Amino acid sequence: MSLLTTVILISLTISIILAIVSFWLPQMTPDYEKLSPYECGFDPLGSARLPFSIRFFLVAILFLLFDLEIALLLPLPWGDQLPSPLLTFSWASAILVLLTLGLIYEWLQGGLEWAE
C-alpha cells in the first residue's frame, strides 16, 4: 500500500470516528433559556430575526474578495525566479486590473453607500 493511500485512509477513518462521536456524545436537553434568542438574562425588546441589509453582505463580500487578492498576490515576489517572470507579472497585473475595474463599477453604481 502506498504512502498516499495510507494517509488518505487514516484521515478518512479519523474523520468518520470524530463525526460519529460528535453525533452521539452531546446531551440534547434544550430548555426555554437555551432556546431563547438572548441568553444574557434580559427580556428581548424586539425580534431577533430582523434581516440584515444587503449592503452589509456586499461589503463583507468585497472584503473577502480583496483579502483573497492579497493571498493570490503574496507569492508574486517569488515569481521572478520562474522561467518567465514577465508572464507571472502580466497575470498578476490582469487580476489587479480586473478587481480594480469591478470596484470602480460598484462605486459608481452606488453599491458602497450606506445611506441614500
C-alpha atoms as a PDB file:
ATOM      1  CA  MET A   1       0.000   0.000   0.000  1.00  0.00           C
ATOM      2  CA  SER A   2       1.431   3.383  -0.949  1.00  0.00           C
ATOM      3  CA  LEU A   3       2.014   6.213   1.468  1.00  0.00           C
ATOM      4  CA  LEU A   4      -0.677   8.379  -0.110  1.00  0.00           C
ATOM      5  CA  THR A   5      -3.296   5.644   0.228  1.00  0.00           C
ATOM      6  CA  THR A   6      -2.332   5.105   3.855  1.00  0.00           C
ATOM      7  CA  VAL A   7      -2.584   8.815   4.680  1.00  0.00           C
ATOM      8  CA  ILE A   8      -5.975   9.128   2.959  1.00  0.00           C
ATOM      9  CA  LEU A   9      -7.258   6.009   4.728  1.00  0.00           C
ATOM     10  CA  ILE A  10      -6.105   7.221   8.153  1.00  0.00           C
ATOM     11  CA  SER A  11      -7.561  10.708   7.693  1.00  0.00           C
ATOM     12  CA  LEU A  12     -10.847   9.281   6.427  1.00  0.00           C
ATOM     13  CA  THR A  13     -11.043   6.895   9.388  1.00  0.00           C
ATOM     14  CA  ILE A  14     -10.325   9.665  11.901  1.00  0.00           C
ATOM     15  CA  SER A  15     -12.918  11.927  10.244  1.00  0.00           C
ATOM     16  CA  ILE A  16     -15.605   9.255  10.370  1.00  0.00           C
ATOM     17  CA  ILE A  17     -14.828   8.402  14.000  1.00  0.00           C
ATOM     18  CA  LEU A  18     -14.969  12.082  15.025  1.00  0.00           C
ATOM     19  CA  ALA A  19     -18.236  12.618  13.156  1.00  0.00           C
ATOM     20  CA  ILE A  20     -19.841   9.608  14.845  1.00  0.00           C
ATOM     21  CA  VAL A  21     -18.575  10.619  18.293  1.00  0.00           C
ATOM     22  CA  SER A  22     -19.760  14.228  17.867  1.00  0.00           C
ATOM     23  CA  PHE A  23     -23.191  12.990  16.827  1.00  0.00           C
ATOM     24  CA  TRP A  24     -23.724  10.623  19.754  1.00  0.00           C
ATOM     25  CA  LEU A  25     -21.767  12.307  22.543  1.00  0.00           C
ATOM     26  CA  PRO A  26     -23.561  15.617  23.244  1.00  0.00           C
ATOM     27  CA  GLN A  27     -26.538  15.682  25.563  1.00  0.00           C
ATOM     28  CA  MET A  28     -29.574  17.133  23.837  1.00  0.00           C
ATOM     29  CA  THR A  29     -31.602  18.692  26.644  1.00  0.00           C
ATOM     30  CA  PRO A  30     -32.765  22.092  25.409  1.00  0.00           C
ATOM     31  CA  ASP A  31     -34.741  24.221  27.819  1.00  0.00           C
ATOM     32  CA  TYR A  32     -36.537  27.557  27.490  1.00  0.00           C
ATOM     33  CA  GLU A  33     -33.460  29.637  28.262  1.00  0.00           C
ATOM     34  CA  LYS A  34     -31.309  27.875  25.699  1.00  0.00           C
ATOM     35  CA  LEU A  35     -33.968  28.169  23.026  1.00  0.00           C
ATOM     36  CA  SER A  36     -34.494  31.888  23.600  1.00  0.00           C
ATOM     37  CA  PRO A  37     -32.652  34.200  21.186  1.00  0.00           C
ATOM     38  CA  TYR A  38     -30.926  36.100  24.009  1.00  0.00           C
ATOM     39  CA  GLU A  39     -29.063  34.366  26.810  1.00  0.00           C
ATOM     40  CA  CYS A  40     -27.870  37.438  28.678  1.00  0.00           C
ATOM     41  CA  GLY A  41     -30.707  37.476  31.217  1.00  0.00           C
ATOM     42  CA  PHE A  42     -32.660  40.359  29.667  1.00  0.00           C
ATOM     43  CA  ASP A  43     -36.016  40.005  28.002  1.00  0.00           C
ATOM     44  CA  PRO A  44     -35.795  40.649  24.265  1.00  0.00           C
ATOM     45  CA  LEU A  45     -37.072  44.071  23.210  1.00  0.00           C
ATOM     46  CA  GLY A  46     -37.729  43.186  19.578  1.00  0.00           C
ATOM     47  CA  SER A  47     -37.476  40.365  17.140  1.00  0.00           C
ATOM     48  CA  ALA A  48     -34.093  38.673  16.896  1.00  0.00           C
ATOM     49  CA  ARG A  49     -34.859  37.617  13.349  1.00  0.00           C
ATOM     50  CA  LEU A  50     -34.597  41.015  11.665  1.00  0.00           C
ATOM     51  CA  PRO A  51     -32.983  40.743   8.233  1.00  0.00           C
ATOM     52  CA  PHE A  52     -29.598  42.293   7.584  1.00  0.00           C
ATOM     53  CA  SER A  53     -29.216  44.894   4.896  1.00  0.00           C
ATOM     54  CA  ILE A  54     -27.907  43.577   1.591  1.00  0.00           C
ATOM     55  CA  ARG A  55     -25.241  46.296   1.742  1.00  0.00           C
ATOM     56  CA  PHE A  56     -23.728  44.588   4.770  1.00  0.00           C
ATOM     57  CA  PHE A  57     -23.264  41.424   2.752  1.00  0.00           C
ATOM     58  CA  LEU A  58     -21.885  43.385  -0.201  1.00  0.00           C
ATOM     59  CA  VAL A  59     -19.191  44.982   1.940  1.00  0.00           C
ATOM     60  CA  ALA A  60     -18.395  41.604   3.504  1.00  0.00           C
ATOM     61  CA  ILE A  61     -18.031  40.004   0.066  1.00  0.00           C
ATOM     62  CA  LEU A  62     -15.819  42.858  -1.119  1.00  0.00           C
ATOM     63  CA  PHE A  63     -13.647  42.430   1.954  1.00  0.00           C
ATOM     64  CA  LEU A  64     -13.280  38.709   1.291  1.00  0.00           C
ATOM     65  CA  LEU A  65     -12.555  39.347  -2.371  1.00  0.00           C
ATOM     66  CA  PHE A  66      -9.746  41.791  -1.659  1.00  0.00           C
ATOM     67  CA  ASP A  67      -8.459  39.592   1.133  1.00  0.00           C
ATOM     68  CA  LEU A  68      -8.209  36.738  -1.364  1.00  0.00           C
ATOM     69  CA  GLU A  69      -6.484  39.092  -3.769  1.00  0.00           C
ATOM     70  CA  ILE A  70      -3.720  39.621  -1.230  1.00  0.00           C
ATOM     71  CA  ALA A  71      -3.430  35.867  -0.764  1.00  0.00           C
ATOM     72  CA  LEU A  72      -3.144  35.393  -4.525  1.00  0.00           C
ATOM     73  CA  LEU A  73      -0.560  38.130  -4.948  1.00  0.00           C
ATOM     74  CA  LEU A  74       1.534  37.210  -1.919  1.00  0.00           C
ATOM     75  CA  PRO A  75       3.782  34.752  -3.807  1.00  0.00           C
ATOM     76  CA  LEU A  76       4.407  37.349  -6.535  1.00  0.00           C
ATOM     77  CA  PRO A  77       7.910  38.346  -5.299  1.00  0.00           C
ATOM     78  CA  TRP A  78       8.990  34.737  -5.702  1.00  0.00           C
ATOM     79  CA  GLY A  79       7.549  34.692  -9.213  1.00  0.00           C
ATOM     80  CA  ASP A  80      10.614  36.428 -10.640  1.00  0.00           C
ATOM     81  CA  GLN A  81      12.551  33.204 -10.143  1.00  0.00           C
ATOM     82  CA  LEU A  82      10.327  31.368 -12.631  1.00  0.00           C
ATOM     83  CA  PRO A  83      11.468  30.813 -16.217  1.00  0.00           C
ATOM     84  CA  SER A  84       9.133  33.576 -17.493  1.00  0.00           C
ATOM     85  CA  PRO A  85       8.703  36.288 -14.837  1.00  0.00           C
ATOM     86  CA  LEU A  86       7.010  38.600 -17.352  1.00  0.00           C
ATOM     87  CA  LEU A  87       4.122  36.135 -17.715  1.00  0.00           C
ATOM     88  CA  THR A  88       3.710  35.969 -13.932  1.00  0.00           C
ATOM     89  CA  PHE A  89       3.720  39.760 -13.699  1.00  0.00           C
ATOM     90  CA  SER A  90       1.181  40.102 -16.511  1.00  0.00           C
ATOM     91  CA  TRP A  91      -1.214  37.627 -14.846  1.00  0.00           C
ATOM     92  CA  ALA A  92      -0.898  39.464 -11.523  1.00  0.00           C
ATOM     93  CA  SER A  93      -1.498  42.779 -13.285  1.00  0.00           C
ATOM     94  CA  ALA A  94      -4.562  41.350 -15.022  1.00  0.00           C
ATOM     95  CA  ILE A  95      -6.000  40.244 -11.670  1.00  0.00           C
ATOM     96  CA  LEU A  96      -5.386  43.686 -10.165  1.00  0.00           C
ATOM     97  CA  VAL A  97      -6.903  45.499 -13.156  1.00  0.00           C
ATOM     98  CA  LEU A  98      -9.979  43.255 -13.131  1.00  0.00           C
ATOM     99  CA  LEU A  99     -10.573  43.745  -9.413  1.00  0.00           C
ATOM    100  CA  THR A 100      -9.976  47.491  -9.668  1.00  0.00           C
ATOM    101  CA  LEU A 101     -12.449  47.826 -12.544  1.00  0.00           C
ATOM    102  CA  GLY A 102     -15.023  45.860 -10.545  1.00  0.00           C
ATOM    103  CA  LEU A 103     -14.526  48.105  -7.523  1.00  0.00           C
ATOM    104  CA  ILE A 104     -14.847  51.252  -9.646  1.00  0.00           C
ATOM    105  CA  TYR A 105     -18.034  49.921 -11.234  1.00  0.00           C
ATOM    106  CA  GLU A 106     -19.524  49.098  -7.834  1.00  0.00           C
ATOM    107  CA  TRP A 107     -18.531  52.507  -6.507  1.00  0.00           C
ATOM    108  CA  LEU A 108     -20.103  54.325  -9.468  1.00  0.00           C
ATOM    109  CA  GLN A 109     -23.320  52.302  -9.167  1.00  0.00           C
ATOM    110  CA  GLY A 110     -23.631  53.429  -5.528  1.00  0.00           C
ATOM    111  CA  GLY A 111     -23.368  49.974  -4.061  1.00  0.00           C
ATOM    112  CA  LEU A 112     -20.943  51.086  -1.352  1.00  0.00           C
ATOM    113  CA  GLU A 113     -23.164  53.857   0.031  1.00  0.00           C
ATOM    114  CA  TRP A 114     -24.653  53.067   3.430  1.00  0.00           C
ATOM    115  CA  ALA A 115     -27.341  55.736   3.435  1.00  0.00           C
ATOM    116  CA  GLU A 116     -29.303  57.060   0.483  1.00  0.00           C
END
